[in-house]
Structure formats: structure tokens, C-alpha cells
């Protein structure tokens, strides 16, 4: 299970959440801004309270950079192309530009 420590107001967290949704990756969400016990848990695991921070309980992997979290989800947990989601490439919009908000 992937546990994501996040804050609603954090744009990097929002990017991770959007891409997880696009990739159909299930996350156990821990909002550190609204729950002090979640923040204390994050500080205990990470050593400080920066978000986003993801912990994979199955593989004992911890990641604390949004781009690294996204890459990890794509490589390890994204649904296959047969489910309608491509884990390998971001969507390309009209004009050939890549939309970062829906990279999944």
C-alpha cells in the first residue's frame, strides 16, 4: 500500500494526487495540515515535516520529491494500457505540448 503524506495547499502534493488519480493508483492519504498526529508520524518517519512524502509499505521504500514519487508510481503501480491508461507516456494535447497537470 502506498501512503502519501500531503497538504491540500501544496501544489506539489496536488500534482502527485492528480497523477495518481490518472494512473488509477490507490493511496492511503495522510493530511498533515489537518491532523497533528499525522504530522508527528511524518516527522518520526522522515525526520522533518516536508510534503509530499510517500511510503510504500510493501516494498519498504520512502520517497520525498514529487517528481520521484510520480516516476515510482508509474513504474511500479500504474494500471496497464489495456485499462485505458498509459503508464509510459504523458498525454499530448493539441499543439504538441505536454500538460503537466494530466501527465498520467
PDB file of N, CA and C in Angstrom:
ATOM      1  N   UNK A   1       0.844  -1.174   0.000  1.00  0.00           N
ATOM      2  CA  UNK A   1       0.000   0.000   0.000  1.00  0.00           C
ATOM      3  C   UNK A   1       0.891   1.239   0.000  1.00  0.00           C
ATOM      4  N   UNK A   2       0.508   2.222  -0.772  1.00  0.00           N
ATOM      5  CA  UNK A   2       1.229   3.484  -0.819  1.00  0.00           C
ATOM      6  C   UNK A   2       0.567   4.482   0.120  1.00  0.00           C
ATOM      7  N   UNK A   3       1.344   5.013   1.036  1.00  0.00           N
ATOM      8  CA  UNK A   3       0.867   6.031   1.963  1.00  0.00           C
ATOM      9  C   UNK A   3       1.462   7.364   1.541  1.00  0.00           C
ATOM     10  N   UNK A   4       0.588   8.365   1.341  1.00  0.00           N
ATOM     11  CA  UNK A   4       1.049   9.686   0.935  1.00  0.00           C
ATOM     12  C   UNK A   4       0.724  10.694   2.020  1.00  0.00           C
ATOM     13  N   UNK A   5       1.765  11.317   2.546  1.00  0.00           N
ATOM     14  CA  UNK A   5       1.613  12.425   3.482  1.00  0.00           C
ATOM     15  C   UNK A   5       1.582  13.688   2.637  1.00  0.00           C
ATOM     16  N   UNK A   6       0.566  14.523   2.860  1.00  0.00           N
ATOM     17  CA  UNK A   6       0.366  15.673   1.984  1.00  0.00           C
ATOM     18  C   UNK A   6      -0.320  16.817   2.725  1.00  0.00           C
ATOM     19  N   UNK A   7      -0.397  17.964   2.028  1.00  0.00           N
ATOM     20  CA  UNK A   7      -1.183  19.108   2.467  1.00  0.00           C
ATOM     21  C   UNK A   7      -2.032  19.543   1.277  1.00  0.00           C
ATOM     22  N   UNK A   8      -3.278  19.871   1.533  1.00  0.00           N
ATOM     23  CA  UNK A   8      -4.173  20.323   0.468  1.00  0.00           C
ATOM     24  C   UNK A   8      -3.611  21.548  -0.250  1.00  0.00           C
ATOM     25  N   UNK A   9      -2.945  22.431   0.476  1.00  0.00           N
ATOM     26  CA  UNK A   9      -2.465  23.689  -0.093  1.00  0.00           C
ATOM     27  C   UNK A   9      -1.158  23.559  -0.870  1.00  0.00           C
ATOM     28  N   UNK A  10      -0.555  22.400  -0.877  1.00  0.00           N
ATOM     29  CA  UNK A  10       0.742  22.194  -1.522  1.00  0.00           C
ATOM     30  C   UNK A  10       0.557  21.842  -3.005  1.00  0.00           C
ATOM     31  N   UNK A  11       1.075  22.668  -3.933  1.00  0.00           N
ATOM     32  CA  UNK A  11       0.912  22.380  -5.360  1.00  0.00           C
ATOM     33  C   UNK A  11       1.630  21.097  -5.796  1.00  0.00           C
ATOM     34  N   UNK A  12       2.743  20.767  -5.158  1.00  0.00           N
ATOM     35  CA  UNK A  12       3.455  19.537  -5.496  1.00  0.00           C
ATOM     36  C   UNK A  12       2.640  18.312  -5.078  1.00  0.00           C
ATOM     37  N   UNK A  13       1.973  18.419  -3.939  1.00  0.00           N
ATOM     38  CA  UNK A  13       1.095  17.347  -3.470  1.00  0.00           C
ATOM     39  C   UNK A  13      -0.087  17.186  -4.418  1.00  0.00           C
ATOM     40  N   UNK A  14      -0.648  18.300  -4.849  1.00  0.00           N
ATOM     41  CA  UNK A  14      -1.787  18.254  -5.764  1.00  0.00           C
ATOM     42  C   UNK A  14      -1.401  17.593  -7.082  1.00  0.00           C
ATOM     43  N   UNK A  15      -0.205  17.848  -7.537  1.00  0.00           N
ATOM     44  CA  UNK A  15       0.276  17.205  -8.769  1.00  0.00           C
ATOM     45  C   UNK A  15       0.377  15.691  -8.578  1.00  0.00           C
ATOM     46  N   UNK A  16       0.935  15.270  -7.465  1.00  0.00           N
ATOM     47  CA  UNK A  16       1.037  13.833  -7.173  1.00  0.00           C
ATOM     48  C   UNK A  16      -0.354  13.207  -7.091  1.00  0.00           C
ATOM     49  N   UNK A  17      -1.274  13.868  -6.418  1.00  0.00           N
ATOM     50  CA  UNK A  17      -2.638  13.351  -6.279  1.00  0.00           C
ATOM     51  C   UNK A  17      -3.332  13.232  -7.633  1.00  0.00           C
ATOM     52  N   UNK A  18      -3.166  14.244  -8.489  1.00  0.00           N
ATOM     53  CA  UNK A  18      -3.802  14.217  -9.811  1.00  0.00           C
ATOM     54  C   UNK A  18      -3.247  13.080 -10.659  1.00  0.00           C
ATOM     55  N   UNK A  19      -1.954  12.903 -10.647  1.00  0.00           N
ATOM     56  CA  UNK A  19      -1.354  11.849 -11.463  1.00  0.00           C
ATOM     57  C   UNK A  19      -1.706  10.476 -10.911  1.00  0.00           C
ATOM     58  N   UNK A  20      -1.765  10.332  -9.599  1.00  0.00           N
ATOM     59  CA  UNK A  20      -2.204   9.063  -9.012  1.00  0.00           C
ATOM     60  C   UNK A  20      -3.616   8.731  -9.469  1.00  0.00           C
ATOM     61  N   UNK A  21      -4.473   9.731  -9.501  1.00  0.00           N
ATOM     62  CA  UNK A  21      -5.842   9.520  -9.976  1.00  0.00           C
ATOM     63  C   UNK A  21      -5.843   9.125 -11.453  1.00  0.00           C
ATOM     64  N   UNK A  22      -5.057   9.813 -12.268  1.00  0.00           N
ATOM     65  CA  UNK A  22      -4.979   9.487 -13.695  1.00  0.00           C
ATOM     66  C   UNK A  22      -4.451   8.073 -13.935  1.00  0.00           C
ATOM     67  N   UNK A  23      -3.502   7.663 -13.116  1.00  0.00           N
ATOM     68  CA  UNK A  23      -2.906   6.325 -13.260  1.00  0.00           C
ATOM     69  C   UNK A  23      -3.704   5.237 -12.541  1.00  0.00           C
ATOM     70  N   UNK A  24      -4.745   5.664 -11.819  1.00  0.00           N
ATOM     71  CA  UNK A  24      -5.579   4.744 -11.039  1.00  0.00           C
ATOM     72  C   UNK A  24      -4.774   4.020  -9.963  1.00  0.00           C
ATOM     73  N   UNK A  25      -3.908   4.795  -9.299  1.00  0.00           N
ATOM     74  CA  UNK A  25      -3.088   4.276  -8.206  1.00  0.00           C
ATOM     75  C   UNK A  25      -3.789   4.625  -6.900  1.00  0.00           C
ATOM     76  N   UNK A  26      -4.044   3.611  -6.084  1.00  0.00           N
ATOM     77  CA  UNK A  26      -4.713   3.828  -4.806  1.00  0.00           C
ATOM     78  C   UNK A  26      -3.700   4.279  -3.758  1.00  0.00           C
ATOM     79  N   UNK A  27      -4.063   5.340  -3.031  1.00  0.00           N
ATOM     80  CA  UNK A  27      -3.196   5.894  -1.997  1.00  0.00           C
ATOM     81  C   UNK A  27      -3.913   5.937  -0.662  1.00  0.00           C
ATOM     82  N   UNK A  28      -3.176   5.673   0.395  1.00  0.00           N
ATOM     83  CA  UNK A  28      -3.650   5.901   1.752  1.00  0.00           C
ATOM     84  C   UNK A  28      -3.207   7.319   2.094  1.00  0.00           C
ATOM     85  N   UNK A  29      -4.153   8.265   2.141  1.00  0.00           N
ATOM     86  CA  UNK A  29      -3.828   9.678   2.291  1.00  0.00           C
ATOM     87  C   UNK A  29      -3.749  10.093   3.755  1.00  0.00           C
ATOM     88  N   UNK A  30      -2.700  10.852   4.085  1.00  0.00           N
ATOM     89  CA  UNK A  30      -2.482  11.367   5.437  1.00  0.00           C
ATOM     90  C   UNK A  30      -2.280  12.877   5.337  1.00  0.00           C
ATOM     91  N   UNK A  31      -3.305  13.646   5.675  1.00  0.00           N
ATOM     92  CA  UNK A  31      -3.237  15.105   5.608  1.00  0.00           C
ATOM     93  C   UNK A  31      -2.577  15.642   6.871  1.00  0.00           C
ATOM     94  N   UNK A  32      -1.331  16.089   6.740  1.00  0.00           N
ATOM     95  CA  UNK A  32      -0.572  16.542   7.901  1.00  0.00           C
ATOM     96  C   UNK A  32      -0.983  17.929   8.376  1.00  0.00           C
ATOM     97  N   UNK A  33      -1.714  18.663   7.543  1.00  0.00           N
ATOM     98  CA  UNK A  33      -2.155  20.002   7.932  1.00  0.00           C
ATOM     99  C   UNK A  33      -3.377  19.950   8.838  1.00  0.00           C
ATOM    100  N   UNK A  34      -4.203  18.926   8.680  1.00  0.00           N
ATOM    101  CA  UNK A  34      -5.440  18.863   9.460  1.00  0.00           C
ATOM    102  C   UNK A  34      -5.368  17.885  10.634  1.00  0.00           C
ATOM    103  N   UNK A  35      -4.278  17.117  10.736  1.00  0.00           N
ATOM    104  CA  UNK A  35      -4.172  16.117  11.787  1.00  0.00           C
ATOM    105  C   UNK A  35      -2.758  16.124  12.359  1.00  0.00           C
ATOM    106  N   UNK A  36      -2.611  16.638  13.567  1.00  0.00           N
ATOM    107  CA  UNK A  36      -1.290  16.748  14.187  1.00  0.00           C
ATOM    108  C   UNK A  36      -0.629  15.388  14.415  1.00  0.00           C
ATOM    109  N   UNK A  37      -1.423  14.355  14.628  1.00  0.00           N
ATOM    110  CA  UNK A  37      -0.843  13.023  14.821  1.00  0.00           C
ATOM    111  C   UNK A  37      -0.205  12.519  13.525  1.00  0.00           C
ATOM    112  N   UNK A  38      -0.786  12.893  12.375  1.00  0.00           N
ATOM    113  CA  UNK A  38      -0.199  12.511  11.083  1.00  0.00           C
ATOM    114  C   UNK A  38       1.118  13.253  10.855  1.00  0.00           C
ATOM    115  N   UNK A  39       1.158  14.523  11.273  1.00  0.00           N
ATOM    116  CA  UNK A  39       2.391  15.293  11.161  1.00  0.00           C
ATOM    117  C   UNK A  39       3.476  14.694  12.053  1.00  0.00           C
ATOM    118  N   UNK A  40       3.118  14.305  13.260  1.00  0.00           N
ATOM    119  CA  UNK A  40       4.081  13.674  14.169  1.00  0.00           C
ATOM    120  C   UNK A  40       4.599  12.362  13.591  1.00  0.00           C
ATOM    121  N   UNK A  41       3.714  11.599  12.979  1.00  0.00           N
ATOM    122  CA  UNK A  41       4.104  10.334  12.338  1.00  0.00           C
ATOM    123  C   UNK A  41       5.066  10.600  11.179  1.00  0.00           C
ATOM    124  N   UNK A  42       4.766  11.640  10.380  1.00  0.00           N
ATOM    125  CA  UNK A  42       5.636  12.002   9.267  1.00  0.00           C
ATOM    126  C   UNK A  42       7.026  12.393   9.773  1.00  0.00           C
ATOM    127  N   UNK A  43       7.082  13.214  10.794  1.00  0.00           N
ATOM    128  CA  UNK A  43       8.368  13.656  11.345  1.00  0.00           C
ATOM    129  C   UNK A  43       9.154  12.461  11.886  1.00  0.00           C
ATOM    130  N   UNK A  44       8.467  11.526  12.497  1.00  0.00           N
ATOM    131  CA  UNK A  44       9.126  10.318  13.006  1.00  0.00           C
ATOM    132  C   UNK A  44       9.724   9.489  11.868  1.00  0.00           C
ATOM    133  N   UNK A  45       8.989   9.355  10.760  1.00  0.00           N
ATOM    134  CA  UNK A  45       9.469   8.544   9.632  1.00  0.00           C
ATOM    135  C   UNK A  45      10.529   9.262   8.814  1.00  0.00           C
ATOM    136  N   UNK A  46      10.321  10.565   8.588  1.00  0.00           N
ATOM    137  CA  UNK A  46      11.142  11.317   7.650  1.00  0.00           C
ATOM    138  C   UNK A  46      12.248  12.123   8.327  1.00  0.00           C
ATOM    139  N   UNK A  47      12.008  12.534   9.545  1.00  0.00           N
ATOM    140  CA  UNK A  47      12.975  13.367  10.246  1.00  0.00           C
ATOM    141  C   UNK A  47      12.620  14.839  10.223  1.00  0.00           C
ATOM    142  N   UNK A  48      11.697  15.213   9.350  1.00  0.00           N
ATOM    143  CA  UNK A  48      11.183  16.579   9.270  1.00  0.00           C
ATOM    144  C   UNK A  48       9.769  16.496   8.705  1.00  0.00           C
ATOM    145  N   UNK A  49       9.127  17.595   8.443  1.00  0.00           N
ATOM    146  CA  UNK A  49       7.720  17.545   8.060  1.00  0.00           C
ATOM    147  C   UNK A  49       7.404  18.020   6.664  1.00  0.00           C
ATOM    148  N   UNK A  50       8.320  17.812   5.710  1.00  0.00           N
ATOM    149  CA  UNK A  50       8.090  18.273   4.348  1.00  0.00           C
ATOM    150  C   UNK A  50       7.225  17.292   3.566  1.00  0.00           C
ATOM    151  N   UNK A  51       6.335  17.856   2.764  1.00  0.00           N
ATOM    152  CA  UNK A  51       5.452  17.063   1.904  1.00  0.00           C
ATOM    153  C   UNK A  51       5.645  17.500   0.456  1.00  0.00           C
ATOM    154  N   UNK A  52       5.326  16.634  -0.500  1.00  0.00           N
ATOM    155  CA  UNK A  52       4.780  15.296  -0.332  1.00  0.00           C
ATOM    156  C   UNK A  52       5.849  14.294   0.099  1.00  0.00           C
ATOM    157  N   UNK A  53       5.381  13.277   0.773  1.00  0.00           N
ATOM    158  CA  UNK A  53       6.239  12.179   1.220  1.00  0.00           C
ATOM    159  C   UNK A  53       5.439  10.898   1.063  1.00  0.00           C
ATOM    160  N   UNK A  54       5.991   9.947   0.330  1.00  0.00           N
ATOM    161  CA  UNK A  54       5.296   8.693   0.106  1.00  0.00           C
ATOM    162  C   UNK A  54       6.094   7.534   0.683  1.00  0.00           C
ATOM    163  N   UNK A  55       5.373   6.609   1.290  1.00  0.00           N
ATOM    164  CA  UNK A  55       5.989   5.401   1.837  1.00  0.00           C
ATOM    165  C   UNK A  55       5.248   4.195   1.284  1.00  0.00           C
ATOM    166  N   UNK A  56       5.987   3.284   0.663  1.00  0.00           N
ATOM    167  CA  UNK A  56       5.427   2.049   0.133  1.00  0.00           C
ATOM    168  C   UNK A  56       5.619   0.977   1.203  1.00  0.00           C
ATOM    169  N   UNK A  57       4.540   0.589   1.857  1.00  0.00           N
ATOM    170  CA  UNK A  57       4.624  -0.362   2.965  1.00  0.00           C
ATOM    171  C   UNK A  57       5.005  -1.765   2.509  1.00  0.00           C
ATOM    172  N   UNK A  58       4.687  -2.109   1.259  1.00  0.00           N
ATOM    173  CA  UNK A  58       5.007  -3.449   0.763  1.00  0.00           C
ATOM    174  C   UNK A  58       6.489  -3.610   0.440  1.00  0.00           C
ATOM    175  N   UNK A  59       7.095  -2.553  -0.095  1.00  0.00           N
ATOM    176  CA  UNK A  59       8.484  -2.636  -0.535  1.00  0.00           C
ATOM    177  C   UNK A  59       9.448  -1.888   0.378  1.00  0.00           C
ATOM    178  N   UNK A  60       8.905  -1.257   1.447  1.00  0.00           N
ATOM    179  CA  UNK A  60       9.726  -0.501   2.391  1.00  0.00           C
ATOM    180  C   UNK A  60      10.542   0.580   1.672  1.00  0.00           C
ATOM    181  N   UNK A  61       9.876   1.324   0.775  1.00  0.00           N
ATOM    182  CA  UNK A  61      10.510   2.396   0.019  1.00  0.00           C
ATOM    183  C   UNK A  61       9.894   3.720   0.443  1.00  0.00           C
ATOM    184  N   UNK A  62      10.747   4.723   0.690  1.00  0.00           N
ATOM    185  CA  UNK A  62      10.297   6.063   1.053  1.00  0.00           C
ATOM    186  C   UNK A  62      10.815   7.059   0.021  1.00  0.00           C
ATOM    187  N   UNK A  63       9.925   7.973  -0.413  1.00  0.00           N
ATOM    188  CA  UNK A  63      10.292   8.963  -1.428  1.00  0.00           C
ATOM    189  C   UNK A  63       9.719  10.307  -1.018  1.00  0.00           C
ATOM    190  N   UNK A  64      10.527  11.374  -1.167  1.00  0.00           N
ATOM    191  CA  UNK A  64      10.026  12.678  -0.735  1.00  0.00           C
ATOM    192  C   UNK A  64      10.155  13.799  -1.753  1.00  0.00           C
ATOM    193  N   UNK A  65      10.261  13.503  -3.009  1.00  0.00           N
ATOM    194  CA  UNK A  65      10.224  14.511  -4.074  1.00  0.00           C
ATOM    195  C   UNK A  65       9.070  14.168  -5.005  1.00  0.00           C
ATOM    196  N   UNK A  66       8.250  15.153  -5.355  1.00  0.00           N
ATOM    197  CA  UNK A  66       7.046  14.875  -6.148  1.00  0.00           C
ATOM    198  C   UNK A  66       7.369  14.186  -7.471  1.00  0.00           C
ATOM    199  N   UNK A  67       8.397  14.640  -8.180  1.00  0.00           N
ATOM    200  CA  UNK A  67       8.725  14.011  -9.465  1.00  0.00           C
ATOM    201  C   UNK A  67       9.191  12.570  -9.271  1.00  0.00           C
ATOM    202  N   UNK A  68       9.908  12.299  -8.206  1.00  0.00           N
ATOM    203  CA  UNK A  68      10.348  10.931  -7.913  1.00  0.00           C
ATOM    204  C   UNK A  68       9.165  10.049  -7.517  1.00  0.00           C
ATOM    205  N   UNK A  69       8.219  10.613  -6.770  1.00  0.00           N
ATOM    206  CA  UNK A  69       7.005   9.871  -6.384  1.00  0.00           C
ATOM    207  C   UNK A  69       6.217   9.489  -7.629  1.00  0.00           C
ATOM    208  N   UNK A  70       6.055  10.437  -8.539  1.00  0.00           N
ATOM    209  CA  UNK A  70       5.304  10.192  -9.773  1.00  0.00           C
ATOM    210  C   UNK A  70       5.984   9.118 -10.608  1.00  0.00           C
ATOM    211  N   UNK A  71       7.280   9.217 -10.758  1.00  0.00           N
ATOM    212  CA  UNK A  71       8.031   8.217 -11.522  1.00  0.00           C
ATOM    213  C   UNK A  71       7.881   6.830 -10.881  1.00  0.00           C
ATOM    214  N   UNK A  72       7.969   6.769  -9.563  1.00  0.00           N
ATOM    215  CA  UNK A  72       7.832   5.493  -8.845  1.00  0.00           C
ATOM    216  C   UNK A  72       6.446   4.896  -9.063  1.00  0.00           C
ATOM    217  N   UNK A  73       5.406   5.719  -8.975  1.00  0.00           N
ATOM    218  CA  UNK A  73       4.044   5.219  -9.197  1.00  0.00           C
ATOM    219  C   UNK A  73       3.893   4.694 -10.615  1.00  0.00           C
ATOM    220  N   UNK A  74       4.429   5.417 -11.591  1.00  0.00           N
ATOM    221  CA  UNK A  74       4.334   4.981 -12.989  1.00  0.00           C
ATOM    222  C   UNK A  74       5.027   3.632 -13.195  1.00  0.00           C
ATOM    223  N   UNK A  75       6.211   3.495 -12.635  1.00  0.00           N
ATOM    224  CA  UNK A  75       6.997   2.284 -12.857  1.00  0.00           C
ATOM    225  C   UNK A  75       6.477   1.074 -12.088  1.00  0.00           C
ATOM    226  N   UNK A  76       5.860   1.293 -10.922  1.00  0.00           N
ATOM    227  CA  UNK A  76       5.515   0.182 -10.050  1.00  0.00           C
ATOM    228  C   UNK A  76       4.034  -0.076  -9.846  1.00  0.00           C
ATOM    229  N   UNK A  77       3.182   0.933 -10.043  1.00  0.00           N
ATOM    230  CA  UNK A  77       1.780   0.761  -9.668  1.00  0.00           C
ATOM    231  C   UNK A  77       0.760   1.200 -10.712  1.00  0.00           C
ATOM    232  N   UNK A  78       1.180   1.795 -11.815  1.00  0.00           N
ATOM    233  CA  UNK A  78       0.224   2.265 -12.817  1.00  0.00           C
ATOM    234  C   UNK A  78      -0.495   1.079 -13.456  1.00  0.00           C
ATOM    235  N   UNK A  79      -1.759   1.299 -13.765  1.00  0.00           N
ATOM    236  CA  UNK A  79      -2.547   0.271 -14.436  1.00  0.00           C
ATOM    237  C   UNK A  79      -1.990   0.081 -15.840  1.00  0.00           C
ATOM    238  N   UNK A  80      -2.238  -1.075 -16.439  1.00  0.00           N
ATOM    239  CA  UNK A  80      -1.732  -1.369 -17.770  1.00  0.00           C
ATOM    240  C   UNK A  80      -2.501  -0.587 -18.820  1.00  0.00           C
ATOM    241  N   UNK A  81      -1.946  -0.515 -20.020  1.00  0.00           N
ATOM    242  CA  UNK A  81      -2.579   0.200 -21.121  1.00  0.00           C
ATOM    243  C   UNK A  81      -3.930  -0.400 -21.473  1.00  0.00           C
ATOM    244  N   UNK A  82      -4.144  -1.681 -21.207  1.00  0.00           N
ATOM    245  CA  UNK A  82      -5.417  -2.316 -21.514  1.00  0.00           C
ATOM    246  C   UNK A  82      -6.562  -1.747 -20.686  1.00  0.00           C
ATOM    247  N   UNK A  83      -6.253  -1.097 -19.574  1.00  0.00           N
ATOM    248  CA  UNK A  83      -7.297  -0.495 -18.763  1.00  0.00           C
ATOM    249  C   UNK A  83      -7.592   0.936 -19.198  1.00  0.00           C
ATOM    250  N   UNK A  84      -6.947   1.357 -20.294  1.00  0.00           N
ATOM    251  CA  UNK A  84      -7.212   2.688 -20.818  1.00  0.00           C
ATOM    252  C   UNK A  84      -6.238   3.745 -20.334  1.00  0.00           C
ATOM    253  N   UNK A  85      -5.228   3.365 -19.573  1.00  0.00           N
ATOM    254  CA  UNK A  85      -4.252   4.317 -19.067  1.00  0.00           C
ATOM    255  C   UNK A  85      -2.874   3.887 -19.521  1.00  0.00           C
ATOM    256  N   UNK A  86      -2.128   4.800 -20.077  1.00  0.00           N
ATOM    257  CA  UNK A  86      -0.768   4.507 -20.499  1.00  0.00           C
ATOM    258  C   UNK A  86       0.205   4.983 -19.437  1.00  0.00           C
ATOM    259  N   UNK A  87       0.964   4.058 -18.879  1.00  0.00           N
ATOM    260  CA  UNK A  87       1.914   4.430 -17.839  1.00  0.00           C
ATOM    261  C   UNK A  87       3.218   4.951 -18.418  1.00  0.00           C
ATOM    262  N   UNK A  88       3.481   4.700 -19.688  1.00  0.00           N
ATOM    263  CA  UNK A  88       4.764   5.036 -20.264  1.00  0.00           C
ATOM    264  C   UNK A  88       4.883   6.479 -20.731  1.00  0.00           C
ATOM    265  N   UNK A  89       3.814   7.042 -21.286  1.00  0.00           N
ATOM    266  CA  UNK A  89       3.913   8.363 -21.881  1.00  0.00           C
ATOM    267  C   UNK A  89       2.844   9.305 -21.344  1.00  0.00           C
ATOM    268  N   UNK A  90       3.196  10.577 -21.216  1.00  0.00           N
ATOM    269  CA  UNK A  90       2.173  11.556 -20.849  1.00  0.00           C
ATOM    270  C   UNK A  90       1.267  11.832 -22.038  1.00  0.00           C
ATOM    271  N   UNK A  91       0.081  12.357 -21.793  1.00  0.00           N
ATOM    272  CA  UNK A  91      -0.828  12.726 -22.861  1.00  0.00           C
ATOM    273  C   UNK A  91      -0.256  13.917 -23.610  1.00  0.00           C
ATOM    274  N   UNK A  92      -0.462  13.925 -24.907  1.00  0.00           N
ATOM    275  CA  UNK A  92      -0.052  15.055 -25.728  1.00  0.00           C
ATOM    276  C   UNK A  92      -1.315  15.760 -26.186  1.00  0.00           C
ATOM    277  N   UNK A  93      -1.376  17.052 -25.937  1.00  0.00           N
ATOM    278  CA  UNK A  93      -2.555  17.838 -26.287  1.00  0.00           C
ATOM    279  C   UNK A  93      -2.369  18.499 -27.650  1.00  0.00           C
ATOM    280  N   UNK A  94      -3.441  19.073 -28.170  1.00  0.00           N
ATOM    281  CA  UNK A  94      -3.392  19.779 -29.440  1.00  0.00           C
ATOM    282  C   UNK A  94      -2.269  20.805 -29.389  1.00  0.00           C
ATOM    283  N   UNK A  95      -1.474  20.857 -30.416  1.00  0.00           N
ATOM    284  CA  UNK A  95      -0.340  21.779 -30.435  1.00  0.00           C
ATOM    285  C   UNK A  95       0.954  21.090 -30.027  1.00  0.00           C
ATOM    286  N   UNK A  96       0.851  19.845 -29.580  1.00  0.00           N
ATOM    287  CA  UNK A  96       2.036  19.072 -29.254  1.00  0.00           C
ATOM    288  C   UNK A  96       2.639  19.357 -27.894  1.00  0.00           C
ATOM    289  N   UNK A  97       2.013  20.188 -27.063  1.00  0.00           N
ATOM    290  CA  UNK A  97       2.574  20.479 -25.744  1.00  0.00           C
ATOM    291  C   UNK A  97       2.112  19.451 -24.724  1.00  0.00           C
ATOM    292  N   UNK A  98       2.944  19.190 -23.763  1.00  0.00           N
ATOM    293  CA  UNK A  98       2.609  18.242 -22.696  1.00  0.00           C
ATOM    294  C   UNK A  98       1.974  18.996 -21.550  1.00  0.00           C
ATOM    295  N   UNK A  99       0.822  18.546 -21.117  1.00  0.00           N
ATOM    296  CA  UNK A  99       0.123  19.181 -19.999  1.00  0.00           C
ATOM    297  C   UNK A  99       0.586  18.510 -18.712  1.00  0.00           C
ATOM    298  N   UNK A 100       1.293  19.253 -17.857  1.00  0.00           N
ATOM    299  CA  UNK A 100       1.832  18.671 -16.634  1.00  0.00           C
ATOM    300  C   UNK A 100       0.735  18.257 -15.652  1.00  0.00           C
ATOM    301  N   UNK A 101      -0.431  18.888 -15.730  1.00  0.00           N
ATOM    302  CA  UNK A 101      -1.489  18.565 -14.757  1.00  0.00           C
ATOM    303  C   UNK A 101      -2.149  17.235 -15.053  1.00  0.00           C
ATOM    304  N   UNK A 102      -1.968  16.697 -16.238  1.00  0.00           N
ATOM    305  CA  UNK A 102      -2.578  15.398 -16.533  1.00  0.00           C
ATOM    306  C   UNK A 102      -1.574  14.468 -17.216  1.00  0.00           C
ATOM    307  N   UNK A 103      -0.365  14.458 -16.714  1.00  0.00           N
ATOM    308  CA  UNK A 103       0.700  13.645 -17.317  1.00  0.00           C
ATOM    309  C   UNK A 103       0.393  12.171 -17.375  1.00  0.00           C
ATOM    310  N   UNK A 104      -0.514  11.730 -16.506  1.00  0.00           N
ATOM    311  CA  UNK A 104      -0.816  10.315 -16.445  1.00  0.00           C
ATOM    312  C   UNK A 104      -1.426   9.823 -17.678  1.00  0.00           C
TER     313      UNK A 104
END
